[in-house]
Protein backbone atom coordinates (compact mmCIF):
# COMPACT_ATOMS: atom_id res chain seq x y z
CA MET A 1 83.94 105.86 90.12
CA GLN A 2 86.47 107.02 92.69
CA LEU A 3 90.21 106.39 92.63
CA PHE A 4 92.21 106.64 95.84
CA GLN A 5 95.70 107.67 94.76
CA SER A 6 98.79 109.75 95.46
CA PRO A 7 100.88 111.78 93.00
CA THR A 8 104.02 110.02 94.29
CA SER A 9 102.70 106.48 93.84
CA PRO A 10 103.97 104.74 90.68
CA PHE A 11 101.20 102.16 91.05
CA ALA A 12 98.53 104.86 91.06
CA ARG A 13 100.31 106.63 88.22
CA LYS A 14 99.97 103.50 86.06
CA VAL A 15 96.22 103.64 86.49
CA ILE A 16 95.99 107.36 85.76
CA VAL A 17 98.13 107.02 82.63
CA LEU A 18 95.82 104.23 81.44
CA LEU A 19 92.80 106.44 82.10
CA LYS A 20 94.35 109.22 80.03
CA GLU A 21 95.43 106.92 77.20
CA THR A 22 91.95 105.39 76.93
CA GLY A 23 89.94 108.59 77.39
CA GLN A 24 88.34 107.59 80.69
CA GLU A 25 89.81 110.18 83.05
CA ALA A 26 86.58 112.22 83.24
CA ASP A 27 84.75 109.12 84.51
CA VAL A 28 86.84 108.87 87.68
CA GLU A 29 86.97 111.16 90.70
CA MET A 30 90.50 111.42 92.11
CA LEU A 31 90.78 111.18 95.90
CA GLY A 32 94.06 111.74 97.71
CA ALA A 33 95.49 109.16 100.07
CA ALA A 34 98.87 108.70 101.73
CA GLY A 35 100.47 106.53 104.37
CA THR A 36 103.01 103.87 105.25
CA PRO A 37 102.86 100.35 106.68
CA LEU A 38 103.23 101.98 110.11
CA ASP A 39 100.52 104.59 109.59
CA ALA A 40 97.53 103.72 107.44
CA ALA A 41 95.18 106.26 109.03
CA ASN A 42 94.84 108.24 105.80
CA MET A 43 94.67 105.22 103.51
CA PRO A 44 91.40 103.79 102.12
CA THR A 45 91.31 100.82 104.50
CA ALA A 46 87.52 100.65 104.29
CA HIS A 47 87.93 99.81 100.60
CA ASN A 48 91.27 97.98 100.69
CA PRO A 49 91.95 96.35 104.07
CA LEU A 50 95.62 96.01 103.07
CA GLY A 51 95.87 99.77 103.40
CA LYS A 52 97.39 100.29 99.96
CA ILE A 53 96.74 102.47 96.95
CA PRO A 54 95.46 102.61 94.33
CA ALA A 55 91.95 101.47 95.16
CA LEU A 56 89.11 101.97 92.70
CA VAL A 57 85.57 102.21 94.07
CA LEU A 58 82.96 101.43 91.43
CA ASP A 59 79.60 103.13 91.17
CA ASP A 60 77.92 100.18 92.89
CA GLY A 61 80.29 100.44 95.86
CA MET A 62 82.50 97.50 94.97
CA ALA A 63 86.21 98.23 95.45
CA LEU A 64 88.99 96.91 93.21
CA PHE A 65 92.67 96.62 94.07
CA ASP A 66 95.66 96.23 93.35
CA SER A 67 96.89 98.25 90.34
CA ARG A 68 97.01 95.28 87.97
CA VAL A 69 93.41 94.35 88.73
CA ILE A 70 92.31 97.96 88.32
CA CYS A 71 94.18 98.34 85.04
CA GLN A 72 92.67 95.20 83.57
CA PHE A 73 89.18 96.31 84.64
CA LEU A 74 89.59 99.77 83.11
CA ASP A 75 91.12 98.38 79.94
CA ASP A 76 88.22 95.96 79.55
CA ARG A 77 85.86 98.89 80.08
CA ALA A 78 87.63 100.74 77.26
CA GLY A 79 87.32 97.82 74.87
CA GLY A 80 90.60 96.02 75.54
CA VAL A 81 93.19 98.29 73.97
CA MET A 82 96.14 98.11 76.38
CA TYR A 83 96.39 94.35 76.94
CA PRO A 84 97.17 92.71 73.58
CA ALA A 85 95.87 89.37 72.42
CA ALA A 86 97.90 86.20 72.98
CA PRO A 87 100.71 85.41 72.53
CA ARG A 88 101.89 89.02 73.02
CA ARG A 89 99.50 89.30 75.98
CA TRP A 90 101.69 87.03 78.12
CA GLU A 91 104.74 89.15 77.37
CA SER A 92 102.81 92.29 78.29
CA LEU A 93 101.65 90.79 81.59
CA THR A 94 105.17 89.57 82.36
CA LEU A 95 106.61 93.00 81.62
CA GLU A 96 104.02 94.62 83.87
CA ALA A 97 104.85 92.16 86.65
CA MET A 98 108.58 92.87 86.27
CA ALA A 99 108.00 96.62 86.36
CA ASP A 100 105.82 96.30 89.46
CA GLY A 101 108.44 94.10 91.11
CA MET A 102 111.08 96.75 90.47
CA VAL A 103 108.83 99.32 92.12
CA ASP A 104 108.18 97.04 95.10
CA ALA A 105 111.91 96.72 95.68
CA ALA A 106 112.51 100.45 95.19
CA ILE A 107 109.78 101.32 97.70
CA LEU A 108 111.25 98.94 100.29
CA MET A 109 114.54 100.81 99.90
CA VAL A 110 112.73 104.07 100.67
CA TYR A 111 111.00 102.58 103.70
CA GLU A 112 114.30 101.30 105.08
CA ALA A 113 115.67 104.84 105.09
CA ARG A 114 112.52 106.66 106.17
CA ILE A 115 110.83 104.35 108.63
CA ARG A 116 113.42 102.09 110.25
CA PRO A 117 115.44 103.72 113.05
CA GLU A 118 118.92 104.58 111.86
CA ASP A 119 120.71 102.32 114.35
CA ILE A 120 119.01 99.18 113.01
CA ARG A 121 118.97 99.91 109.28
CA MET A 122 120.44 97.18 107.09
CA ASN A 123 122.54 98.36 104.17
CA ALA A 124 122.74 94.75 102.95
CA TRP A 125 118.94 94.68 102.76
CA VAL A 126 118.89 97.88 100.72
CA GLU A 127 121.53 96.55 98.34
CA GLY A 128 119.66 93.27 98.06
CA GLN A 129 116.58 95.16 96.91
CA TRP A 130 118.62 97.16 94.43
CA SER A 131 120.08 93.91 93.08
CA LYS A 132 116.56 92.89 92.07
CA VAL A 133 116.09 96.18 90.26
CA SER A 134 119.51 95.98 88.61
CA ARG A 135 118.95 92.44 87.33
CA ALA A 136 115.61 93.49 85.87
CA LEU A 137 117.20 96.52 84.19
CA ASP A 138 119.90 94.33 82.66
CA SER A 139 117.30 91.89 81.38
CA LEU A 140 115.27 94.72 79.88
CA GLU A 141 118.35 96.07 78.10
CA SER A 142 119.44 92.66 76.80
CA ASN A 143 116.19 90.84 76.10
CA TRP A 144 113.27 93.22 75.68
CA ALA A 145 114.34 95.73 73.00
CA ALA A 146 112.22 94.15 70.26
CA TYR A 147 109.15 94.04 72.46
CA LEU A 148 109.56 97.61 73.65
CA ALA A 149 109.76 98.74 70.02
CA GLY A 150 106.22 97.43 69.49
CA PRO A 151 102.85 99.10 70.09
CA LEU A 152 102.18 100.78 73.42
CA ASP A 153 100.60 98.45 75.96
CA MET A 154 100.11 98.17 79.70
CA GLY A 155 103.44 96.47 80.27
CA GLN A 156 105.20 99.41 78.66
CA ILE A 157 103.19 101.93 80.68
CA ALA A 158 104.08 100.10 83.89
CA LEU A 159 107.74 100.07 82.93
CA GLY A 160 107.72 103.76 82.07
CA CYS A 161 106.26 104.53 85.49
CA ALA A 162 108.78 102.24 87.20
CA LEU A 163 111.79 103.85 85.52
CA SER A 164 110.48 107.30 86.35
CA TYR A 165 110.13 106.23 89.99
CA LEU A 166 113.79 105.19 90.01
CA ASP A 167 114.65 108.73 88.89
CA PHE A 168 112.32 110.20 91.51
CA ARG A 169 113.53 108.25 94.54
CA HIS A 170 116.88 106.72 93.55
CA ASN A 171 118.41 109.11 91.07
CA ASP A 172 121.83 108.64 92.65
CA ARG A 173 121.83 105.03 91.43
CA ASN A 174 122.01 106.20 87.78
CA TRP A 175 120.08 103.28 86.32
CA ARG A 176 120.81 104.49 82.75
CA GLU A 177 124.54 103.76 82.99
CA GLY A 178 125.41 100.93 80.59
CA ARG A 179 121.80 100.67 79.37
CA VAL A 180 121.70 102.96 76.36
CA GLY A 181 118.81 101.25 74.59
CA LEU A 182 116.56 101.22 77.64
CA ALA A 183 117.41 104.84 78.41
CA GLN A 184 116.47 105.87 74.87
CA TRP A 185 113.18 104.00 75.10
CA GLU A 186 112.41 105.62 78.46
CA ALA A 187 112.98 109.09 77.00
CA GLU A 188 110.47 108.32 74.26
CA ILE A 189 107.70 107.05 76.52
CA ALA A 190 108.34 109.83 79.05
CA ALA A 191 107.54 112.36 76.32
CA ARG A 192 103.98 111.09 75.90
CA PRO A 193 101.38 113.63 77.11
CA SER A 194 99.92 111.09 79.55
CA MET A 195 103.32 110.62 81.16
CA GLN A 196 104.19 114.32 81.13
CA ALA A 197 100.92 115.08 82.94
CA THR A 198 101.60 112.54 85.71
CA VAL A 199 105.25 113.17 86.63
CA PRO A 200 105.52 112.43 90.38
CA VAL A 201 105.77 115.42 92.72
CA GLU A 202 106.07 115.69 96.49
């Protein structure tokens, strides 16, 4: 199998952490890819016409995307260890969706600064995206402590990658302020070997 990915992509990082946690990393060839919505020339568009990563090409040539599809495929391949049985499964999937939504908003903030010409940038748009992230962080602090204290699953991996991405691209926002419990949990998951080995770098 081949995985199109980038060391700065939190969505690709999710997949790689799963591969490490389930002992499948040696089964996948890592291929670099990078781009933006304005320049997809170096993205795997032949495998994902949306021009996004990660994309996983199976041995028979079939391509899987996006990260949640890839993660569920790889987890099934490993015997179903990172997506718990119901009813906890629905919480795990919801947590993964929330983490991915936080990343979506955080990436849009980056694009606004990097891609849009300075004279037409919208600060209100940026703050609107951060509001999504902030509401999710508050919900995680207030409502998810018991779940996060449970066994490692894909929702937790996705959240760990999302919080790390906030540090990587939006460190000035200081997401930990007022969220002591979530910050402590993040420090614990960040110490896992799979997370330490995949810290995003430029």
